[in-house]
Amino acid sequence: MKIKTHPPNRPVYAMFTTMCGRGGRFVEAANYLVEMTEMGLTRISRCFDFATDGLKNCRKHDLAEKIEQWEVSLLCV
């Protein structure tokens, strides 16, 4: 997504993570969250919660735990 010519903004990433989550693609939603924060956009806790809950329901507890720890580290910065 960040390779395209138009730089995405926070609402676009929120929409992508929400749509991926609704479609059951929680790993892709987590990847969009990582991209969003790497670009320096402020985090959206609702999207982080949505992605981590979905990852836990898909039995990807290790990835969900990494995302949660990363969110906590972003809060401390």
N, C-alpha and C. Protein backbone atom coordinates (compact mmCIF):
# COMPACT_ATOMS: atom_id res chain seq x y z
N MET A 1 0.82 -1.19 0.00
CA MET A 1 0.00 0.00 0.00
C MET A 1 0.86 1.26 0.00
N LYS A 2 1.94 1.26 0.78
CA LYS A 2 2.74 2.46 0.87
C LYS A 2 3.62 2.66 -0.37
N ILE A 3 3.64 1.70 -1.30
CA ILE A 3 4.43 1.82 -2.51
C ILE A 3 3.69 2.66 -3.55
N LYS A 4 2.41 2.79 -3.46
CA LYS A 4 1.61 3.55 -4.42
C LYS A 4 2.00 5.03 -4.39
N THR A 5 1.53 5.79 -5.39
CA THR A 5 1.93 7.18 -5.51
C THR A 5 1.28 8.09 -4.47
N HIS A 6 0.03 7.84 -4.14
CA HIS A 6 -0.67 8.68 -3.17
C HIS A 6 -0.42 8.15 -1.77
N PRO A 7 0.16 8.97 -0.87
CA PRO A 7 0.40 8.48 0.48
C PRO A 7 -0.91 8.30 1.25
N PRO A 8 -1.14 7.13 1.80
CA PRO A 8 -2.37 6.89 2.54
C PRO A 8 -2.38 7.63 3.87
N ASN A 9 -3.57 7.87 4.36
CA ASN A 9 -3.71 8.56 5.63
C ASN A 9 -4.35 7.64 6.66
N ARG A 10 -4.54 8.15 7.84
CA ARG A 10 -5.03 7.36 8.96
C ARG A 10 -6.41 6.75 8.71
N PRO A 11 -7.40 7.50 8.19
CA PRO A 11 -8.71 6.89 7.94
C PRO A 11 -8.67 5.77 6.90
N VAL A 12 -7.78 5.86 5.93
CA VAL A 12 -7.67 4.80 4.92
C VAL A 12 -7.17 3.52 5.57
N TYR A 13 -6.14 3.63 6.42
CA TYR A 13 -5.64 2.46 7.12
C TYR A 13 -6.70 1.89 8.07
N ALA A 14 -7.46 2.75 8.71
CA ALA A 14 -8.53 2.27 9.60
C ALA A 14 -9.56 1.49 8.80
N MET A 15 -9.89 1.98 7.61
CA MET A 15 -10.86 1.28 6.77
C MET A 15 -10.31 -0.07 6.33
N PHE A 16 -9.03 -0.11 5.92
CA PHE A 16 -8.44 -1.37 5.48
C PHE A 16 -8.39 -2.39 6.60
N THR A 17 -7.99 -1.98 7.79
CA THR A 17 -7.91 -2.93 8.90
C THR A 17 -9.31 -3.43 9.28
N THR A 18 -10.29 -2.55 9.23
CA THR A 18 -11.66 -2.95 9.56
C THR A 18 -12.20 -3.92 8.52
N MET A 19 -11.98 -3.64 7.24
CA MET A 19 -12.48 -4.52 6.18
C MET A 19 -11.76 -5.87 6.20
N CYS A 20 -10.46 -5.86 6.44
CA CYS A 20 -9.74 -7.14 6.55
C CYS A 20 -10.27 -7.94 7.73
N GLY A 21 -10.53 -7.27 8.84
CA GLY A 21 -11.05 -7.96 10.02
C GLY A 21 -12.43 -8.53 9.78
N ARG A 22 -13.28 -7.78 9.13
CA ARG A 22 -14.63 -8.27 8.84
C ARG A 22 -14.60 -9.45 7.88
N GLY A 23 -13.58 -9.47 7.02
CA GLY A 23 -13.44 -10.58 6.07
C GLY A 23 -12.68 -11.76 6.64
N GLY A 24 -12.24 -11.66 7.89
CA GLY A 24 -11.53 -12.76 8.53
C GLY A 24 -10.06 -12.79 8.19
N ARG A 25 -9.52 -11.73 7.62
CA ARG A 25 -8.11 -11.69 7.23
C ARG A 25 -7.34 -10.87 8.28
N PHE A 26 -7.18 -11.46 9.44
CA PHE A 26 -6.62 -10.75 10.58
C PHE A 26 -5.11 -10.55 10.47
N VAL A 27 -4.42 -11.43 9.79
CA VAL A 27 -2.98 -11.25 9.60
C VAL A 27 -2.73 -10.04 8.71
N GLU A 28 -3.54 -9.89 7.65
CA GLU A 28 -3.40 -8.72 6.79
C GLU A 28 -3.75 -7.44 7.54
N ALA A 29 -4.74 -7.52 8.41
CA ALA A 29 -5.10 -6.35 9.22
C ALA A 29 -3.93 -5.95 10.12
N ALA A 30 -3.27 -6.94 10.71
CA ALA A 30 -2.11 -6.64 11.55
C ALA A 30 -0.98 -6.04 10.72
N ASN A 31 -0.80 -6.52 9.50
CA ASN A 31 0.23 -5.96 8.62
C ASN A 31 -0.06 -4.50 8.29
N TYR A 32 -1.33 -4.17 8.07
CA TYR A 32 -1.69 -2.77 7.81
C TYR A 32 -1.42 -1.90 9.04
N LEU A 33 -1.66 -2.45 10.21
CA LEU A 33 -1.36 -1.69 11.42
C LEU A 33 0.13 -1.41 11.56
N VAL A 34 0.94 -2.40 11.22
CA VAL A 34 2.39 -2.22 11.26
C VAL A 34 2.82 -1.16 10.26
N GLU A 35 2.27 -1.23 9.04
CA GLU A 35 2.58 -0.22 8.02
C GLU A 35 2.19 1.17 8.49
N MET A 36 1.01 1.26 9.08
CA MET A 36 0.49 2.56 9.52
C MET A 36 1.43 3.20 10.54
N THR A 37 1.87 2.43 11.50
CA THR A 37 2.73 3.00 12.53
C THR A 37 4.14 3.25 12.01
N GLU A 38 4.60 2.44 11.04
CA GLU A 38 5.91 2.68 10.45
C GLU A 38 5.94 4.00 9.67
N MET A 39 4.79 4.39 9.13
CA MET A 39 4.71 5.64 8.38
C MET A 39 4.59 6.85 9.31
N GLY A 40 4.48 6.60 10.60
CA GLY A 40 4.42 7.69 11.56
C GLY A 40 3.01 8.19 11.84
N LEU A 41 2.01 7.46 11.37
CA LEU A 41 0.63 7.85 11.65
C LEU A 41 0.27 7.42 13.07
N THR A 42 -0.59 8.18 13.71
CA THR A 42 -0.98 7.84 15.07
C THR A 42 -1.82 6.57 15.07
N ARG A 43 -1.67 5.82 16.13
CA ARG A 43 -2.35 4.53 16.21
C ARG A 43 -3.84 4.70 16.50
N ILE A 44 -4.60 3.70 16.15
CA ILE A 44 -6.03 3.66 16.43
C ILE A 44 -6.26 2.42 17.30
N SER A 45 -6.54 2.64 18.57
CA SER A 45 -6.63 1.51 19.50
C SER A 45 -7.77 0.56 19.13
N ARG A 46 -8.84 1.08 18.56
CA ARG A 46 -9.96 0.24 18.15
C ARG A 46 -9.50 -0.78 17.11
N CYS A 47 -8.67 -0.36 16.18
CA CYS A 47 -8.17 -1.26 15.14
C CYS A 47 -7.20 -2.29 15.72
N PHE A 48 -6.36 -1.85 16.65
CA PHE A 48 -5.45 -2.79 17.30
C PHE A 48 -6.24 -3.85 18.06
N ASP A 49 -7.27 -3.43 18.78
CA ASP A 49 -8.09 -4.38 19.53
C ASP A 49 -8.82 -5.35 18.60
N PHE A 50 -9.33 -4.82 17.51
CA PHE A 50 -10.05 -5.63 16.53
C PHE A 50 -9.13 -6.70 15.95
N ALA A 51 -7.91 -6.30 15.58
CA ALA A 51 -6.97 -7.24 14.98
C ALA A 51 -6.49 -8.28 16.00
N THR A 52 -6.16 -7.85 17.20
CA THR A 52 -5.66 -8.81 18.18
C THR A 52 -6.75 -9.80 18.62
N ASP A 53 -7.98 -9.34 18.78
CA ASP A 53 -9.07 -10.26 19.12
C ASP A 53 -9.30 -11.28 18.01
N GLY A 54 -9.24 -10.82 16.77
CA GLY A 54 -9.39 -11.74 15.65
C GLY A 54 -8.26 -12.75 15.56
N LEU A 55 -7.04 -12.30 15.81
CA LEU A 55 -5.91 -13.22 15.80
C LEU A 55 -6.03 -14.27 16.89
N LYS A 56 -6.52 -13.86 18.05
CA LYS A 56 -6.71 -14.83 19.14
C LYS A 56 -7.78 -15.85 18.78
N ASN A 57 -8.86 -15.40 18.12
CA ASN A 57 -9.92 -16.33 17.72
C ASN A 57 -9.45 -17.29 16.63
N CYS A 58 -8.46 -16.89 15.85
CA CYS A 58 -7.90 -17.75 14.81
C CYS A 58 -6.76 -18.62 15.34
N ARG A 59 -6.56 -18.59 16.65
CA ARG A 59 -5.51 -19.38 17.31
C ARG A 59 -4.10 -18.95 16.91
N LYS A 60 -3.93 -17.68 16.61
CA LYS A 60 -2.60 -17.12 16.34
C LYS A 60 -2.21 -16.26 17.53
N HIS A 61 -2.11 -16.92 18.68
CA HIS A 61 -1.87 -16.22 19.94
C HIS A 61 -0.50 -15.55 19.98
N ASP A 62 0.50 -16.17 19.35
CA ASP A 62 1.83 -15.58 19.38
C ASP A 62 1.88 -14.25 18.63
N LEU A 63 1.23 -14.19 17.47
CA LEU A 63 1.19 -12.94 16.71
C LEU A 63 0.34 -11.89 17.43
N ALA A 64 -0.76 -12.33 18.03
CA ALA A 64 -1.61 -11.39 18.78
C ALA A 64 -0.85 -10.81 19.96
N GLU A 65 -0.06 -11.64 20.62
CA GLU A 65 0.72 -11.15 21.76
C GLU A 65 1.78 -10.15 21.32
N LYS A 66 2.42 -10.41 20.16
CA LYS A 66 3.42 -9.47 19.64
C LYS A 66 2.78 -8.12 19.30
N ILE A 67 1.61 -8.16 18.69
CA ILE A 67 0.91 -6.92 18.34
C ILE A 67 0.52 -6.15 19.60
N GLU A 68 0.03 -6.87 20.61
CA GLU A 68 -0.34 -6.22 21.86
C GLU A 68 0.88 -5.59 22.54
N GLN A 69 2.00 -6.30 22.56
CA GLN A 69 3.21 -5.75 23.16
C GLN A 69 3.70 -4.54 22.39
N TRP A 70 3.56 -4.58 21.09
CA TRP A 70 3.97 -3.46 20.25
C TRP A 70 3.09 -2.24 20.51
N GLU A 71 1.79 -2.48 20.68
CA GLU A 71 0.88 -1.37 20.98
C GLU A 71 1.23 -0.73 22.32
N VAL A 72 1.55 -1.56 23.31
CA VAL A 72 1.94 -1.03 24.62
C VAL A 72 3.23 -0.24 24.52
N SER A 73 4.18 -0.71 23.73
CA SER A 73 5.42 0.03 23.57
C SER A 73 5.18 1.36 22.86
N LEU A 74 4.20 1.42 21.97
CA LEU A 74 3.86 2.69 21.31
C LEU A 74 3.22 3.66 22.29
N LEU A 75 2.50 3.14 23.28
CA LEU A 75 1.89 4.00 24.28
C LEU A 75 2.93 4.67 25.16
N CYS A 76 4.02 3.93 25.41
CA CYS A 76 5.06 4.46 26.29
C CYS A 76 5.93 5.52 25.63
N VAL A 77 5.93 5.55 24.31
CA VAL A 77 6.78 6.51 23.58
C VAL A 77 6.16 7.87 23.55
